[in-house]
Amino acid sequence: MFDFNKTIIVTNKKYKQIPVKNPILIAGLPGLGNVGVIIADLLIQQFKGIKIASVYSNHFPHQAIMLKNGTVRLLNNRFYLIKSFNKSQDLIVLTGDTQAITPEGQYEVNSKILDYFKNKLKGRFIFTIGGYINTQENITIPRVFGNVTNKKLIDKFKKYNIIFKESQGTIFGSLGLLMAFAKMQNINGLCLMGETQNPEFDPASVKAVASVLNKIFNININTKELDKMIKLTNSQINELPMPQFSEASDSAPTPSYIR
């Protein structure tokens, strides 16, 4: 019987005995531009991820999802295993329906996630994926910004066209807390943030992050569907009327923020 008065991680019994080899974690949860969750979905689909565990929490929204087969399920986060992602490592992908909706919940859920990855799966490196809002200038080709748990990692990753030391503000939710918790436990980590001006959905930002991951891991994330979405999104934007601004307006620019 599950205790839904707290955050629990339930391992899929069918895959309990699968050995995990020196895993790295890529966390992609709902957030700005849905960059993280789309990257996670692409990895799971294209590299045949196997669900190994689910995260349930009373800090998730009080909703149940209606399924096509006529049943329901709780909102949750999920761990997927991709075996032999490269020669020496397996990949763990964390994704899900939601993030915790309170500060207390964010701390509890993300500490449980990191504890599971570190102590149960014996992982030592994490990537968190999300969006970085830029309202100050027009974006033609989205950039990818990065922050690390240890400044020594910057030299290792800057060759992959990741921009360090220029992102500003705070990193909300799982994207930031997993990195901060990892730093506190001496786990190395890299946060990748695709530049976006669309907080709901930005396929161009997703493609920019996918390109960086392809270089880091020497893989090929297929982005053909993203290209179609980018073309469709651009055509829709071009059809919108240009906004009219008052010359007398002196409102302050909107600050950037990340999650």
Protein backbone atom coordinates (compact mmCIF):
# COMPACT_ATOMS: atom_id res chain seq x y z
CA MET A 1 0.00 0.00 0.00
CA PHE A 2 1.40 3.39 -1.03
CA ASP A 3 1.63 6.22 1.49
CA PHE A 4 0.52 9.23 -0.52
CA ASN A 5 1.05 11.61 2.40
CA LYS A 6 4.67 11.94 1.32
CA THR A 7 6.93 11.67 -1.71
CA ILE A 8 7.66 8.08 -2.73
CA ILE A 9 9.64 6.46 -5.53
CA VAL A 10 8.24 3.15 -6.73
CA THR A 11 10.59 0.87 -8.66
CA ASN A 12 9.15 -1.09 -11.57
CA LYS A 13 9.41 -4.70 -10.36
CA LYS A 14 9.90 -6.06 -13.87
CA TYR A 15 13.17 -4.15 -14.26
CA LYS A 16 14.37 -4.26 -10.65
CA GLN A 17 17.28 -6.56 -11.44
CA ILE A 18 18.63 -4.77 -14.51
CA PRO A 19 22.21 -3.70 -13.73
CA VAL A 20 22.89 -0.01 -14.30
CA LYS A 21 26.36 0.89 -15.54
CA ASN A 22 27.95 4.18 -14.37
CA PRO A 23 24.76 6.17 -15.14
CA ILE A 24 24.38 9.83 -15.97
CA LEU A 25 21.07 11.64 -15.44
CA ILE A 26 19.28 13.95 -17.87
CA ALA A 27 16.35 15.68 -16.16
CA GLY A 28 13.73 17.23 -18.44
CA LEU A 29 10.53 18.29 -16.71
CA PRO A 30 7.75 20.74 -17.73
CA GLY A 31 8.98 24.32 -17.73
CA LEU A 32 9.76 27.30 -19.97
CA GLY A 33 9.24 26.50 -23.64
CA ASN A 34 8.77 22.88 -22.58
CA VAL A 35 12.40 22.49 -23.66
CA GLY A 36 13.32 19.92 -21.02
CA VAL A 37 10.30 17.65 -21.34
CA ILE A 38 10.53 17.54 -25.16
CA ILE A 39 14.25 16.69 -25.06
CA ALA A 40 13.46 13.92 -22.57
CA ASP A 41 10.69 12.55 -24.79
CA LEU A 42 12.95 12.54 -27.84
CA LEU A 43 15.64 10.60 -25.98
CA ILE A 44 13.17 8.06 -24.58
CA GLN A 45 11.46 7.46 -27.92
CA GLN A 46 14.52 7.38 -30.17
CA PHE A 47 16.81 5.41 -27.86
CA LYS A 48 14.15 3.05 -26.47
CA GLY A 49 14.05 4.08 -22.84
CA ILE A 50 12.70 1.56 -20.32
CA LYS A 51 10.66 2.91 -17.41
CA ILE A 52 12.32 1.76 -14.21
CA ALA A 53 10.65 3.88 -11.50
CA SER A 54 7.91 6.43 -10.84
CA VAL A 55 7.81 9.36 -8.41
CA TYR A 56 4.52 10.12 -6.64
CA SER A 57 4.03 13.04 -4.28
CA ASN A 58 1.32 14.85 -2.37
CA HIS A 59 3.12 17.99 -3.56
CA PHE A 60 2.01 17.37 -7.16
CA PRO A 61 -1.30 18.90 -8.34
CA HIS A 62 -4.38 17.07 -7.07
CA GLN A 63 -5.39 15.68 -10.46
CA ALA A 64 -5.68 12.35 -12.25
CA ILE A 65 -5.06 11.91 -15.98
CA MET A 66 -7.77 10.22 -18.06
CA LEU A 67 -6.26 7.51 -20.25
CA LYS A 68 -7.32 6.31 -23.70
CA ASN A 69 -8.28 2.90 -22.29
CA GLY A 70 -10.88 4.52 -20.07
CA THR A 71 -8.93 4.36 -16.81
CA VAL A 72 -7.03 7.04 -14.88
CA ARG A 73 -3.60 7.53 -13.31
CA LEU A 74 -1.97 9.97 -10.91
CA LEU A 75 0.35 12.71 -12.05
CA ASN A 76 3.94 11.59 -11.56
CA ASN A 77 7.57 11.87 -12.58
CA ARG A 78 9.30 8.91 -14.21
CA PHE A 79 12.82 7.49 -14.51
CA TYR A 80 13.75 5.78 -17.79
CA LEU A 81 16.86 3.69 -18.44
CA ILE A 82 18.67 3.75 -21.78
CA LYS A 83 21.22 0.94 -21.82
CA SER A 84 24.64 1.39 -23.44
CA PHE A 85 24.05 5.05 -24.25
CA ASN A 86 27.74 5.23 -24.97
CA LYS A 87 30.61 2.78 -24.54
CA SER A 88 31.06 3.29 -20.82
CA GLN A 89 27.74 4.58 -19.48
CA ASP A 90 24.00 4.07 -19.28
CA LEU A 91 21.63 7.03 -19.37
CA ILE A 92 18.83 7.75 -16.90
CA VAL A 93 16.17 10.16 -18.19
CA LEU A 94 13.87 11.86 -15.70
CA THR A 95 10.66 13.35 -17.06
CA GLY A 96 7.03 13.61 -16.06
CA ASP A 97 3.71 15.40 -16.02
CA THR A 98 4.47 18.17 -13.55
CA GLN A 99 6.70 19.69 -10.92
CA ALA A 100 5.86 20.18 -7.26
CA ILE A 101 3.62 23.20 -6.77
CA THR A 102 4.97 24.53 -3.44
CA PRO A 103 8.46 25.53 -2.28
CA GLU A 104 8.32 22.81 0.39
CA GLY A 105 7.35 20.29 -2.26
CA GLN A 106 10.14 21.33 -4.59
CA TYR A 107 12.71 20.76 -1.85
CA GLU A 108 11.26 17.40 -0.84
CA VAL A 109 10.69 15.97 -4.33
CA ASN A 110 14.04 17.03 -5.76
CA SER A 111 16.01 15.84 -2.74
CA LYS A 112 14.31 12.43 -3.12
CA ILE A 113 15.12 12.35 -6.84
CA LEU A 114 18.78 13.14 -6.28
CA ASP A 115 19.02 10.65 -3.42
CA TYR A 116 17.55 7.90 -5.65
CA PHE A 117 20.00 8.69 -8.45
CA LYS A 118 23.02 8.88 -6.16
CA ASN A 119 22.37 6.05 -3.72
CA LYS A 120 20.11 3.62 -5.60
CA LEU A 121 21.52 4.00 -9.10
CA LYS A 122 25.06 5.04 -8.06
CA GLY A 123 25.12 8.00 -10.45
CA ARG A 124 27.72 10.76 -10.32
CA PHE A 125 26.82 13.30 -13.03
CA ILE A 126 23.58 15.12 -13.86
CA PHE A 127 22.30 17.29 -16.70
CA THR A 128 19.24 19.46 -16.20
CA ILE A 129 17.48 20.84 -19.29
CA GLY A 130 15.21 23.86 -19.54
CA GLY A 131 14.52 27.25 -21.09
CA TYR A 132 16.00 30.71 -20.61
CA ILE A 133 13.65 33.63 -21.33
CA ASN A 134 15.13 36.54 -23.27
CA THR A 135 12.74 39.46 -23.76
CA GLN A 136 15.40 42.05 -24.55
CA GLU A 137 16.17 41.23 -28.19
CA ASN A 138 14.85 39.35 -31.19
CA ILE A 139 16.05 35.75 -31.36
CA THR A 140 16.91 34.40 -34.80
CA ILE A 141 18.98 31.38 -33.78
CA PRO A 142 18.51 30.38 -30.10
CA ARG A 143 21.66 30.15 -28.02
CA VAL A 144 22.28 27.60 -25.28
CA PHE A 145 23.36 28.91 -21.89
CA GLY A 146 25.04 26.82 -19.22
CA ASN A 147 25.72 26.73 -15.50
CA VAL A 148 27.76 24.10 -13.70
CA THR A 149 28.17 22.77 -10.18
CA ASN A 150 31.95 23.19 -10.35
CA LYS A 151 33.64 25.97 -12.34
CA LYS A 152 36.32 23.50 -13.45
CA LEU A 153 33.66 21.95 -15.72
CA ILE A 154 33.38 25.11 -17.83
CA ASP A 155 36.56 24.37 -19.78
CA LYS A 156 35.30 20.84 -20.47
CA PHE A 157 31.96 21.95 -21.94
CA LYS A 158 32.49 25.38 -23.49
CA LYS A 159 33.77 23.78 -26.72
CA TYR A 160 30.21 22.58 -27.41
CA ASN A 161 28.89 26.10 -28.13
CA ILE A 162 27.50 26.52 -24.62
CA ILE A 163 27.56 30.10 -23.31
CA PHE A 164 28.77 30.39 -19.74
CA LYS A 165 28.83 33.38 -17.36
CA GLU A 166 26.19 35.38 -19.27
CA SER A 167 22.90 34.00 -17.97
CA GLN A 168 21.40 36.02 -15.12
CA GLY A 169 18.62 35.69 -12.59
CA THR A 170 17.46 32.62 -10.74
CA ILE A 171 16.78 29.05 -11.81
CA PHE A 172 13.32 27.99 -10.67
CA GLY A 173 12.11 24.52 -9.73
CA SER A 174 13.74 21.17 -10.41
CA LEU A 175 16.13 22.61 -12.97
CA GLY A 176 17.87 24.69 -10.32
CA LEU A 177 17.34 22.66 -7.16
CA LEU A 178 18.73 19.43 -8.61
CA MET A 179 21.88 21.32 -9.56
CA ALA A 180 22.18 22.99 -6.16
CA PHE A 181 21.58 19.72 -4.29
CA ALA A 182 24.11 17.96 -6.53
CA LYS A 183 26.73 20.59 -5.74
CA MET A 184 26.12 20.13 -2.02
CA GLN A 185 26.71 16.38 -2.39
CA ASN A 186 29.80 16.68 -4.61
CA ILE A 187 27.98 15.42 -7.70
CA ASN A 188 29.04 17.16 -10.90
CA GLY A 189 26.33 18.70 -13.04
CA LEU A 190 25.57 20.88 -16.04
CA CYS A 191 22.40 22.91 -16.53
CA LEU A 192 21.57 23.57 -20.21
CA MET A 193 19.08 26.33 -21.01
CA GLY A 194 17.76 26.96 -24.50
CA GLU A 195 17.10 30.62 -25.24
CA THR A 196 13.42 31.32 -25.86
CA GLN A 197 10.78 34.04 -26.08
CA ASN A 198 7.87 31.60 -25.96
CA PRO A 199 7.25 30.25 -22.45
CA GLU A 200 4.69 27.69 -23.70
CA PHE A 201 6.40 25.91 -26.58
CA ASP A 202 9.60 26.64 -28.51
CA PRO A 203 10.78 23.92 -30.94
CA ALA A 204 13.72 26.06 -32.11
CA SER A 205 15.06 26.24 -28.56
CA VAL A 206 14.62 22.48 -28.21
CA LYS A 207 16.58 21.92 -31.42
CA ALA A 208 19.42 24.14 -30.17
CA VAL A 209 19.74 22.07 -26.98
CA ALA A 210 19.47 18.81 -28.95
CA SER A 211 22.37 19.96 -31.14
CA VAL A 212 24.53 20.54 -28.05
CA LEU A 213 23.64 17.10 -26.61
CA ASN A 214 24.51 15.49 -29.96
CA LYS A 215 28.00 16.97 -29.72
CA ILE A 216 28.53 16.13 -26.06
CA PHE A 217 27.48 12.49 -26.37
CA ASN A 218 28.35 11.91 -30.04
CA ILE A 219 24.80 10.81 -30.82
CA ASN A 220 22.15 11.83 -33.36
CA ILE A 221 18.88 13.06 -31.90
CA ASN A 222 16.54 13.16 -34.89
CA THR A 223 15.05 16.66 -35.18
CA LYS A 224 12.97 16.28 -38.39
CA GLU A 225 9.69 16.69 -36.50
CA LEU A 226 11.11 19.73 -34.72
CA ASP A 227 11.97 21.27 -38.10
CA LYS A 228 8.32 20.91 -39.16
CA MET A 229 7.18 22.50 -35.90
CA ILE A 230 9.66 25.37 -36.32
CA LYS A 231 8.38 26.07 -39.84
CA LEU A 232 4.76 25.98 -38.66
CA THR A 233 5.48 28.19 -35.64
CA ASN A 234 7.31 30.76 -37.78
CA SER A 235 4.47 30.92 -40.30
CA GLN A 236 1.96 31.49 -37.52
CA ILE A 237 4.08 34.25 -35.99
CA ASN A 238 4.41 35.99 -39.37
CA GLU A 239 0.63 36.07 -39.71
CA LEU A 240 0.16 37.90 -36.40
CA PRO A 241 -0.36 41.69 -36.52
CA MET A 242 2.59 43.78 -35.38
CA PRO A 243 2.05 45.19 -31.86
CA GLN A 244 1.76 48.97 -31.51
CA PHE A 245 3.91 50.58 -28.81
CA SER A 246 3.56 54.09 -27.43
CA GLU A 247 6.62 56.28 -27.86
CA ALA A 248 5.93 57.68 -24.40
CA SER A 249 6.15 54.29 -22.70
CA ASP A 250 8.94 53.98 -20.19
CA SER A 251 8.09 50.73 -18.54
CA ALA A 252 11.04 48.74 -17.26
CA PRO A 253 12.19 45.74 -19.33
CA THR A 254 11.00 42.37 -18.16
CA PRO A 255 13.78 40.46 -16.34
CA SER A 256 14.98 37.11 -17.60
CA TYR A 257 14.12 34.04 -15.63
CA ILE A 258 14.76 30.36 -15.98
CA ARG A 259 13.30 27.01 -15.13
